[in-house]
Amino acid sequence: MVEQIVFLIISAFTLTMAVIVVTKRNLFHAALALMASFLGVAGLYVTLDAGFLAAAQLLVYIGAISILVIFAIMMTRRLMQTSEPAFNTQAGFALLTAVIGFGVVFWVFYVFRNIWPLVPDTAVPLASKPVVPQEVLQNSVALMGRAFVNPAGYVLPFEIASVLLLAALVGAIIVAWPKAEDKA
């Protein structure tokens, strides 16, 4: 019961920070709220007993991506003084898309309600967690690391992610590079 309350608190924090990200007028404050939202996602991973994913979330998203975004914002002074409105004219389209998305999700729940019931079985207590054999947990991170660099494993997605991060870094440098009109 306590775990569920902590999960709900962290979820509310994460969603609140996500709403701040999309509604904040100041770009720097929105980036800080994005970092807090990423921290909330890492907290959700911790409550779900996914320590490796929580650590990866902290290192990759908070430690790398968010810091890169904040550096790009700070080095690009003209974006800090923007006078554009926080809301745009696409609110109706966004609402329609959200309603359709939720409709699809609820339709899937309705169609597959017999396969995946929304109400858990009463035979399995809610507070119990599945028992994972120790041999599954042993060396799982080491095996995952080997799978990342194994040519038959995930080396291609791993390399694509590294090229994507490099492209983000180059893009931040290009955006932050002083233009001729900025010097004048």
C-alpha atoms as a PDB file:
ATOM      1  CA  MET A   1       0.000   0.000   0.000  1.00  0.00           C
ATOM      2  CA  VAL A   2       2.856   2.381   0.828  1.00  0.00           C
ATOM      3  CA  GLU A   3       4.544   1.588  -2.496  1.00  0.00           C
ATOM      4  CA  GLN A   4       1.378   2.492  -4.372  1.00  0.00           C
ATOM      5  CA  ILE A   5       1.097   5.820  -2.538  1.00  0.00           C
ATOM      6  CA  VAL A   6       4.752   6.625  -3.299  1.00  0.00           C
ATOM      7  CA  PHE A   7       4.162   5.628  -6.936  1.00  0.00           C
ATOM      8  CA  LEU A   8       1.141   7.946  -7.158  1.00  0.00           C
ATOM      9  CA  ILE A   9       3.053  10.840  -5.571  1.00  0.00           C
ATOM     10  CA  ILE A  10       5.981  10.426  -7.964  1.00  0.00           C
ATOM     11  CA  SER A  11       3.567  10.101 -10.898  1.00  0.00           C
ATOM     12  CA  ALA A  12       1.776  13.306  -9.908  1.00  0.00           C
ATOM     13  CA  PHE A  13       5.144  15.094  -9.606  1.00  0.00           C
ATOM     14  CA  THR A  14       6.233  13.835 -13.037  1.00  0.00           C
ATOM     15  CA  LEU A  15       2.982  14.858 -14.709  1.00  0.00           C
ATOM     16  CA  THR A  16       3.017  18.269 -13.011  1.00  0.00           C
ATOM     17  CA  MET A  17       6.534  18.928 -14.258  1.00  0.00           C
ATOM     18  CA  ALA A  18       5.545  17.779 -17.761  1.00  0.00           C
ATOM     19  CA  VAL A  19       2.651  20.252 -17.789  1.00  0.00           C
ATOM     20  CA  ILE A  20       5.038  23.007 -16.653  1.00  0.00           C
ATOM     21  CA  VAL A  21       7.400  22.089 -19.518  1.00  0.00           C
ATOM     22  CA  VAL A  22       4.753  22.712 -22.165  1.00  0.00           C
ATOM     23  CA  THR A  23       3.114  25.761 -20.562  1.00  0.00           C
ATOM     24  CA  LYS A  24       6.076  27.760 -19.237  1.00  0.00           C
ATOM     25  CA  ARG A  25       6.877  30.902 -21.188  1.00  0.00           C
ATOM     26  CA  ASN A  26      10.534  31.071 -20.155  1.00  0.00           C
ATOM     27  CA  LEU A  27      12.528  28.479 -22.098  1.00  0.00           C
ATOM     28  CA  PHE A  28      15.148  28.068 -19.371  1.00  0.00           C
ATOM     29  CA  HIS A  29      12.511  27.359 -16.711  1.00  0.00           C
ATOM     30  CA  ALA A  30      10.861  24.860 -19.065  1.00  0.00           C
ATOM     31  CA  ALA A  31      14.192  23.052 -19.468  1.00  0.00           C
ATOM     32  CA  LEU A  32      14.610  22.878 -15.688  1.00  0.00           C
ATOM     33  CA  ALA A  33      11.094  21.456 -15.396  1.00  0.00           C
ATOM     34  CA  LEU A  34      12.045  18.916 -18.073  1.00  0.00           C
ATOM     35  CA  MET A  35      14.965  17.815 -15.919  1.00  0.00           C
ATOM     36  CA  ALA A  36      12.618  17.463 -12.942  1.00  0.00           C
ATOM     37  CA  SER A  37      10.234  15.425 -15.087  1.00  0.00           C
ATOM     38  CA  PHE A  38      13.082  13.136 -16.112  1.00  0.00           C
ATOM     39  CA  LEU A  39      13.967  12.780 -12.424  1.00  0.00           C
ATOM     40  CA  GLY A  40      10.368  11.750 -11.725  1.00  0.00           C
ATOM     41  CA  VAL A  41      10.575   9.104 -14.452  1.00  0.00           C
ATOM     42  CA  ALA A  42      13.749   7.768 -12.817  1.00  0.00           C
ATOM     43  CA  GLY A  43      11.839   7.650  -9.523  1.00  0.00           C
ATOM     44  CA  LEU A  44       9.092   5.655 -11.229  1.00  0.00           C
ATOM     45  CA  TYR A  45      11.703   3.184 -12.449  1.00  0.00           C
ATOM     46  CA  VAL A  46      12.989   2.826  -8.889  1.00  0.00           C
ATOM     47  CA  THR A  47       9.495   2.077  -7.572  1.00  0.00           C
ATOM     48  CA  LEU A  48       9.121  -0.561 -10.298  1.00  0.00           C
ATOM     49  CA  ASP A  49      12.396  -2.238  -9.196  1.00  0.00           C
ATOM     50  CA  ALA A  50      14.167  -1.315 -12.432  1.00  0.00           C
ATOM     51  CA  GLY A  51      17.376   0.075 -10.965  1.00  0.00           C
ATOM     52  CA  PHE A  52      19.367  -0.178 -14.184  1.00  0.00           C
ATOM     53  CA  LEU A  53      16.776   1.825 -16.116  1.00  0.00           C
ATOM     54  CA  ALA A  54      16.678   4.419 -13.321  1.00  0.00           C
ATOM     55  CA  ALA A  55      20.456   4.793 -13.459  1.00  0.00           C
ATOM     56  CA  ALA A  56      20.369   5.020 -17.254  1.00  0.00           C
ATOM     57  CA  GLN A  57      17.612   7.648 -17.019  1.00  0.00           C
ATOM     58  CA  LEU A  58      19.717   9.698 -14.616  1.00  0.00           C
ATOM     59  CA  LEU A  59      22.920   9.409 -16.636  1.00  0.00           C
ATOM     60  CA  VAL A  60      21.581   9.738 -20.167  1.00  0.00           C
ATOM     61  CA  TYR A  61      18.579  12.031 -19.906  1.00  0.00           C
ATOM     62  CA  ILE A  62      19.416  14.203 -16.914  1.00  0.00           C
ATOM     63  CA  GLY A  63      23.186  14.000 -17.111  1.00  0.00           C
ATOM     64  CA  ALA A  64      23.559  14.398 -20.849  1.00  0.00           C
ATOM     65  CA  ILE A  65      20.494  15.436 -22.813  1.00  0.00           C
ATOM     66  CA  SER A  66      19.090  17.967 -20.333  1.00  0.00           C
ATOM     67  CA  ILE A  67      22.460  19.557 -19.675  1.00  0.00           C
ATOM     68  CA  LEU A  68      23.009  19.820 -23.439  1.00  0.00           C
ATOM     69  CA  VAL A  69      19.624  21.510 -23.851  1.00  0.00           C
ATOM     70  CA  ILE A  70      20.348  23.950 -21.022  1.00  0.00           C
ATOM     71  CA  PHE A  71      23.769  24.806 -22.486  1.00  0.00           C
ATOM     72  CA  ALA A  72      22.162  25.434 -25.885  1.00  0.00           C
ATOM     73  CA  ILE A  73      19.555  27.686 -24.284  1.00  0.00           C
ATOM     74  CA  MET A  74      22.120  29.617 -22.250  1.00  0.00           C
ATOM     75  CA  MET A  75      24.473  30.081 -25.199  1.00  0.00           C
ATOM     76  CA  THR A  76      21.672  31.289 -27.456  1.00  0.00           C
ATOM     77  CA  ARG A  77      20.783  34.634 -25.951  1.00  0.00           C
ATOM     78  CA  ARG A  78      18.170  35.600 -28.507  1.00  0.00           C
ATOM     79  CA  LEU A  79      15.933  32.727 -27.392  1.00  0.00           C
ATOM     80  CA  MET A  80      16.039  33.937 -23.789  1.00  0.00           C
ATOM     81  CA  GLN A  81      14.316  37.234 -24.696  1.00  0.00           C
ATOM     82  CA  THR A  82      11.562  35.708 -26.848  1.00  0.00           C
ATOM     83  CA  SER A  83       8.228  37.470 -26.786  1.00  0.00           C
ATOM     84  CA  GLU A  84       6.193  34.732 -28.444  1.00  0.00           C
ATOM     85  CA  PRO A  85       3.016  33.543 -26.722  1.00  0.00           C
ATOM     86  CA  ALA A  86       3.180  30.353 -24.658  1.00  0.00           C
ATOM     87  CA  PHE A  87       0.094  28.940 -26.377  1.00  0.00           C
ATOM     88  CA  ASN A  88      -0.389  28.534 -30.099  1.00  0.00           C
ATOM     89  CA  THR A  89      -3.350  28.201 -32.431  1.00  0.00           C
ATOM     90  CA  GLN A  90      -3.190  24.413 -32.666  1.00  0.00           C
ATOM     91  CA  ALA A  91      -5.020  23.739 -29.388  1.00  0.00           C
ATOM     92  CA  GLY A  92      -8.077  22.331 -31.177  1.00  0.00           C
ATOM     93  CA  PHE A  93      -5.958  19.920 -33.214  1.00  0.00           C
ATOM     94  CA  ALA A  94      -4.088  18.872 -30.064  1.00  0.00           C
ATOM     95  CA  LEU A  95      -7.374  18.259 -28.220  1.00  0.00           C
ATOM     96  CA  LEU A  96      -8.727  16.209 -31.125  1.00  0.00           C
ATOM     97  CA  THR A  97      -5.528  14.149 -31.258  1.00  0.00           C
ATOM     98  CA  ALA A  98      -5.631  13.545 -27.499  1.00  0.00           C
ATOM     99  CA  VAL A  99      -9.282  12.464 -27.600  1.00  0.00           C
ATOM    100  CA  ILE A 100      -8.593  10.084 -30.490  1.00  0.00           C
ATOM    101  CA  GLY A 101      -5.534   8.697 -28.686  1.00  0.00           C
ATOM    102  CA  PHE A 102      -7.442   8.075 -25.463  1.00  0.00           C
ATOM    103  CA  GLY A 103     -10.284   6.577 -27.468  1.00  0.00           C
ATOM    104  CA  VAL A 104      -7.901   4.100 -29.101  1.00  0.00           C
ATOM    105  CA  VAL A 105      -6.419   3.172 -25.713  1.00  0.00           C
ATOM    106  CA  PHE A 106      -9.843   2.588 -24.163  1.00  0.00           C
ATOM    107  CA  TRP A 107     -10.983   0.660 -27.246  1.00  0.00           C
ATOM    108  CA  VAL A 108      -7.945  -1.648 -26.890  1.00  0.00           C
ATOM    109  CA  PHE A 109      -8.749  -2.125 -23.190  1.00  0.00           C
ATOM    110  CA  TYR A 110     -12.343  -2.962 -24.097  1.00  0.00           C
ATOM    111  CA  VAL A 111     -11.439  -5.426 -26.865  1.00  0.00           C
ATOM    112  CA  PHE A 112      -8.810  -7.245 -24.803  1.00  0.00           C
ATOM    113  CA  ARG A 113     -10.617  -7.102 -21.448  1.00  0.00           C
ATOM    114  CA  ASN A 114     -10.883 -10.907 -21.256  1.00  0.00           C
ATOM    115  CA  ILE A 115      -7.202 -11.442 -22.022  1.00  0.00           C
ATOM    116  CA  TRP A 116      -5.926  -8.651 -19.810  1.00  0.00           C
ATOM    117  CA  PRO A 117      -8.543  -7.809 -17.205  1.00  0.00           C
ATOM    118  CA  LEU A 118      -8.604  -4.326 -15.707  1.00  0.00           C
ATOM    119  CA  VAL A 119      -9.537  -5.820 -12.316  1.00  0.00           C
ATOM    120  CA  PRO A 120      -6.825  -8.142 -10.988  1.00  0.00           C
ATOM    121  CA  ASP A 121      -7.574 -11.675  -9.895  1.00  0.00           C
ATOM    122  CA  THR A 122      -8.598 -11.998  -6.287  1.00  0.00           C
ATOM    123  CA  ALA A 123      -6.437 -15.109  -6.003  1.00  0.00           C
ATOM    124  CA  VAL A 124      -3.254 -13.027  -6.274  1.00  0.00           C
ATOM    125  CA  PRO A 125      -2.876 -10.405  -3.519  1.00  0.00           C
ATOM    126  CA  LEU A 126      -2.201  -6.863  -4.779  1.00  0.00           C
ATOM    127  CA  ALA A 127       0.801  -6.226  -2.532  1.00  0.00           C
ATOM    128  CA  SER A 128       2.742  -9.331  -3.649  1.00  0.00           C
ATOM    129  CA  LYS A 129       5.450  -9.091  -6.256  1.00  0.00           C
ATOM    130  CA  PRO A 130       6.355 -11.943  -8.571  1.00  0.00           C
ATOM    131  CA  VAL A 131       9.247 -14.034  -7.347  1.00  0.00           C
ATOM    132  CA  VAL A 132      12.188 -13.879  -9.737  1.00  0.00           C
ATOM    133  CA  PRO A 133      14.666 -16.764  -9.534  1.00  0.00           C
ATOM    134  CA  GLN A 134      18.164 -15.763  -8.463  1.00  0.00           C
ATOM    135  CA  GLU A 135      19.791 -17.233 -11.597  1.00  0.00           C
ATOM    136  CA  VAL A 136      17.813 -14.761 -13.722  1.00  0.00           C
ATOM    137  CA  LEU A 137      19.067 -11.797 -11.689  1.00  0.00           C
ATOM    138  CA  GLN A 138      22.671 -12.970 -11.539  1.00  0.00           C
ATOM    139  CA  ASN A 139      24.905 -11.160 -14.050  1.00  0.00           C
ATOM    140  CA  SER A 140      21.887  -9.658 -15.846  1.00  0.00           C
ATOM    141  CA  VAL A 141      23.558  -6.240 -16.233  1.00  0.00           C
ATOM    142  CA  ALA A 142      26.767  -7.848 -17.516  1.00  0.00           C
ATOM    143  CA  LEU A 143      24.779  -9.900 -20.030  1.00  0.00           C
ATOM    144  CA  MET A 144      22.926  -6.773 -21.125  1.00  0.00           C
ATOM    145  CA  GLY A 145      26.230  -4.941 -21.614  1.00  0.00           C
ATOM    146  CA  ARG A 146      27.569  -7.784 -23.745  1.00  0.00           C
ATOM    147  CA  ALA A 147      24.365  -7.753 -25.809  1.00  0.00           C
ATOM    148  CA  PHE A 148      24.856  -4.031 -26.482  1.00  0.00           C
ATOM    149  CA  VAL A 149      28.266  -4.566 -28.105  1.00  0.00           C
ATOM    150  CA  ASN A 150      27.649  -7.972 -29.661  1.00  0.00           C
ATOM    151  CA  PRO A 151      27.359  -7.756 -33.477  1.00  0.00           C
ATOM    152  CA  ALA A 152      24.412 -10.169 -33.332  1.00  0.00           C
ATOM    153  CA  GLY A 153      22.820  -8.165 -30.518  1.00  0.00           C
ATOM    154  CA  TYR A 154      22.095  -4.473 -30.145  1.00  0.00           C
ATOM    155  CA  VAL A 155      25.264  -2.900 -31.517  1.00  0.00           C
ATOM    156  CA  LEU A 156      23.453  -1.178 -34.405  1.00  0.00           C
ATOM    157  CA  PRO A 157      20.805   0.590 -32.231  1.00  0.00           C
ATOM    158  CA  PHE A 158      23.561   1.445 -29.740  1.00  0.00           C
ATOM    159  CA  GLU A 159      25.639   3.082 -32.483  1.00  0.00           C
ATOM    160  CA  ILE A 160      22.581   4.864 -33.920  1.00  0.00           C
ATOM    161  CA  ALA A 161      21.897   6.329 -30.477  1.00  0.00           C
ATOM    162  CA  SER A 162      25.484   7.560 -30.240  1.00  0.00           C
ATOM    163  CA  VAL A 163      25.263   9.194 -33.692  1.00  0.00           C
ATOM    164  CA  LEU A 164      21.973  10.813 -32.644  1.00  0.00           C
ATOM    165  CA  LEU A 165      23.624  12.260 -29.537  1.00  0.00           C
ATOM    166  CA  LEU A 166      26.522  13.521 -31.650  1.00  0.00           C
ATOM    167  CA  ALA A 167      24.058  15.164 -34.060  1.00  0.00           C
ATOM    168  CA  ALA A 168      22.318  16.835 -31.109  1.00  0.00           C
ATOM    169  CA  LEU A 169      25.648  18.184 -29.880  1.00  0.00           C
ATOM    170  CA  VAL A 170      26.587  19.510 -33.331  1.00  0.00           C
ATOM    171  CA  GLY A 171      23.113  21.042 -33.679  1.00  0.00           C
ATOM    172  CA  ALA A 172      23.490  22.799 -30.319  1.00  0.00           C
ATOM    173  CA  ILE A 173      26.838  24.213 -31.416  1.00  0.00           C
ATOM    174  CA  ILE A 174      25.369  25.453 -34.700  1.00  0.00           C
ATOM    175  CA  VAL A 175      22.430  27.068 -32.918  1.00  0.00           C
ATOM    176  CA  ALA A 176      24.739  28.716 -30.394  1.00  0.00           C
ATOM    177  CA  TRP A 177      27.247  29.927 -32.990  1.00  0.00           C
ATOM    178  CA  PRO A 178      27.148  33.737 -33.153  1.00  0.00           C
ATOM    179  CA  LYS A 179      25.615  35.079 -36.337  1.00  0.00           C
ATOM    180  CA  ALA A 180      26.708  38.202 -38.190  1.00  0.00           C
ATOM    181  CA  GLU A 181      23.573  40.112 -37.072  1.00  0.00           C
ATOM    182  CA  ASP A 182      24.286  39.199 -33.415  1.00  0.00           C
ATOM    183  CA  LYS A 183      27.724  40.826 -33.581  1.00  0.00           C
ATOM    184  CA  ALA A 184      26.347  44.115 -34.867  1.00  0.00           C
END
